[in-house]
Amino acid sequence: MGVLASTLLMDSAVLGANQLASAEEARAMLDRAVTALKANEAAALKAFNDEKNKNFRDRDLYIFCFSLPDGKFTAYQSPLMLGTDVRELMLDQDPIGQRAYDAVAKDAEGDVVSVDYSFPKPGSKQPATKQSLLTRIANQSCGVSYFK
């Protein structure tokens, strides 16, 4: 398992038995992120990376962003991911990072696209369906993932 996947699993394990967020809560968080990005990109990215900012971190939800066209993470729950290329992210044999990059790069700015993948829920080793909602605002692609 790669470093990126290991980081994702460690972040997931921290949640333990906390209640998981809903699809509606994920979409509301993404909408808040879009508003923040449009108002001030630098301030928004700082807020997304602030572990104490409850507007962009709630239970299993957090905003992640990568820049286009280089694919480098600009916001993520774990600072270890910042600056790495989203396209390198693999979960088992699933090139989830490349799929996410491709999905958002080809759509129009402001469109929301989704990418499904398998990932264990916190406290479990069994894969579950997780969905990322992604959108592009200027040169940033941002998203939030939730368990279906």
Protein backbone atom coordinates (compact mmCIF):
# COMPACT_ATOMS: atom_id res chain seq x y z
CA MET A 1 0.00 0.00 0.00
CA GLY A 2 1.37 3.42 -0.92
CA VAL A 3 2.06 6.34 1.39
CA LEU A 4 -1.01 8.20 0.14
CA ALA A 5 -3.35 5.28 0.85
CA SER A 6 -1.74 4.74 4.27
CA THR A 7 -2.34 8.40 5.12
CA LEU A 8 -5.99 8.07 4.13
CA LEU A 9 -6.44 4.99 6.32
CA MET A 10 -4.81 6.66 9.33
CA ASP A 11 -7.06 9.69 8.94
CA SER A 12 -10.08 7.39 8.74
CA ALA A 13 -9.10 5.45 11.87
CA VAL A 14 -9.06 8.63 13.97
CA LEU A 15 -12.83 8.96 13.58
CA GLY A 16 -13.56 5.75 15.47
CA ALA A 17 -17.25 5.27 16.13
CA ASN A 18 -18.30 8.88 15.51
CA GLN A 19 -21.50 9.35 13.55
CA LEU A 20 -20.90 9.63 9.82
CA ALA A 21 -22.16 12.64 7.89
CA SER A 22 -24.89 12.50 5.25
CA ALA A 23 -24.85 13.29 1.53
CA GLU A 24 -26.78 16.49 2.25
CA GLU A 25 -24.21 17.62 4.81
CA ALA A 26 -21.40 16.86 2.35
CA ARG A 27 -23.09 18.93 -0.37
CA ALA A 28 -23.69 21.82 2.05
CA MET A 29 -20.00 21.79 3.00
CA LEU A 30 -18.97 21.82 -0.67
CA ASP A 31 -21.32 24.76 -1.31
CA ARG A 32 -19.69 26.67 1.61
CA ALA A 33 -16.27 25.89 0.14
CA VAL A 34 -17.27 27.21 -3.29
CA THR A 35 -18.54 30.44 -1.73
CA ALA A 36 -15.29 30.84 0.22
CA LEU A 37 -13.13 30.14 -2.87
CA LYS A 38 -15.01 32.70 -4.94
CA ALA A 39 -14.62 35.32 -2.21
CA ASN A 40 -10.88 34.82 -1.54
CA GLU A 41 -8.96 31.74 -2.75
CA ALA A 42 -5.96 32.14 -0.43
CA ALA A 43 -8.11 32.65 2.67
CA ALA A 44 -10.35 29.73 1.66
CA LEU A 45 -7.42 27.31 1.27
CA LYS A 46 -6.07 28.41 4.63
CA ALA A 47 -9.48 27.76 6.21
CA PHE A 48 -9.78 24.34 4.55
CA ASN A 49 -6.39 23.33 6.00
CA ASP A 50 -7.22 24.61 9.50
CA GLU A 51 -8.02 21.54 11.62
CA LYS A 52 -10.08 23.69 14.01
CA ASN A 53 -12.34 25.18 11.32
CA LYS A 54 -15.65 23.38 11.84
CA ASN A 55 -17.15 24.92 8.68
CA PHE A 56 -14.84 22.70 6.61
CA ARG A 57 -14.18 19.78 8.98
CA ASP A 58 -17.05 17.88 10.54
CA ARG A 59 -16.83 14.23 11.60
CA ASP A 60 -15.77 12.33 8.46
CA LEU A 61 -16.19 15.35 6.17
CA TYR A 62 -13.41 17.69 5.12
CA ILE A 63 -12.63 19.77 2.05
CA PHE A 64 -9.78 18.70 -0.18
CA CYS A 65 -8.48 20.68 -3.15
CA PHE A 66 -5.94 20.26 -5.89
CA SER A 67 -4.76 22.77 -8.44
CA LEU A 68 -5.28 22.45 -12.16
CA PRO A 69 -3.50 21.62 -14.32
CA ASP A 70 -0.66 20.32 -12.09
CA GLY A 71 -2.87 18.19 -9.79
CA LYS A 72 -1.03 19.14 -6.58
CA PHE A 73 -3.05 19.04 -3.35
CA THR A 74 -3.55 22.54 -1.95
CA ALA A 75 -5.93 21.51 0.85
CA TYR A 76 -6.31 18.23 2.68
CA GLN A 77 -7.15 16.90 6.12
CA SER A 78 -3.57 15.66 6.54
CA PRO A 79 -0.77 18.14 5.88
CA LEU A 80 1.31 15.19 4.62
CA MET A 81 -0.74 15.22 1.42
CA LEU A 82 -0.17 18.89 0.57
CA GLY A 83 1.93 19.29 -2.57
CA THR A 84 1.50 15.68 -3.68
CA ASP A 85 -0.14 14.92 -7.02
CA VAL A 86 -3.75 13.71 -6.75
CA ARG A 87 -3.20 11.58 -9.86
CA GLU A 88 -0.78 9.38 -7.87
CA LEU A 89 -3.48 8.39 -5.37
CA MET A 90 -4.28 4.68 -5.64
CA LEU A 91 -6.57 2.59 -3.43
CA ASP A 92 -5.68 -1.03 -4.06
CA GLN A 93 -5.84 -1.24 -7.86
CA ASP A 94 -8.22 1.73 -8.22
CA PRO A 95 -6.57 4.88 -9.65
CA ILE A 96 -9.00 7.05 -7.66
CA GLY A 97 -6.82 10.16 -7.91
CA GLN A 98 -6.59 9.99 -11.70
CA ARG A 99 -10.34 9.31 -11.93
CA ALA A 100 -11.10 12.35 -9.74
CA TYR A 101 -8.73 14.55 -11.72
CA ASP A 102 -10.21 13.45 -15.05
CA ALA A 103 -13.81 13.86 -13.88
CA VAL A 104 -13.42 17.46 -12.77
CA ALA A 105 -10.88 18.62 -15.38
CA LYS A 106 -13.21 17.89 -18.30
CA ASP A 107 -16.36 19.44 -16.82
CA ALA A 108 -17.32 23.09 -16.88
CA GLU A 109 -16.37 25.33 -14.00
CA GLY A 110 -19.01 25.16 -11.27
CA ASP A 111 -20.42 21.79 -12.36
CA VAL A 112 -20.50 19.21 -9.56
CA VAL A 113 -19.35 15.73 -10.52
CA SER A 114 -19.19 12.59 -8.40
CA VAL A 115 -16.70 9.76 -8.18
CA ASP A 116 -17.50 6.55 -6.28
CA TYR A 117 -14.91 4.25 -4.77
CA SER A 118 -14.52 1.61 -2.07
CA PHE A 119 -12.99 2.55 1.26
CA PRO A 120 -13.40 1.13 4.79
CA LYS A 121 -15.61 3.03 7.19
CA PRO A 122 -13.87 4.22 10.37
CA GLY A 123 -13.23 1.31 12.69
CA SER A 124 -13.81 -1.29 9.95
CA LYS A 125 -11.68 -3.17 7.47
CA GLN A 126 -14.60 -3.96 5.17
CA PRO A 127 -14.84 -1.78 2.05
CA ALA A 128 -17.88 0.48 1.80
CA THR A 129 -19.03 2.78 -0.98
CA LYS A 130 -17.76 6.31 -0.61
CA GLN A 131 -18.57 9.17 -2.95
CA SER A 132 -16.58 12.32 -3.66
CA LEU A 133 -18.44 15.41 -4.83
CA LEU A 134 -16.07 17.62 -6.82
CA THR A 135 -16.22 20.98 -8.54
CA ARG A 136 -13.80 23.37 -10.20
CA ILE A 137 -13.53 27.05 -9.36
CA ALA A 138 -10.87 28.86 -11.43
CA ASN A 139 -7.67 26.78 -11.08
CA GLN A 140 -8.81 24.88 -7.98
CA SER A 141 -10.71 21.63 -7.93
CA CYS A 142 -12.26 21.00 -4.55
CA GLY A 143 -14.35 18.24 -3.13
CA VAL A 144 -15.74 16.46 -0.11
CA SER A 145 -16.30 12.73 0.35
CA TYR A 146 -18.96 10.89 2.33
CA PHE A 147 -20.05 7.28 2.84
CA LYS A 148 -23.17 6.33 0.89
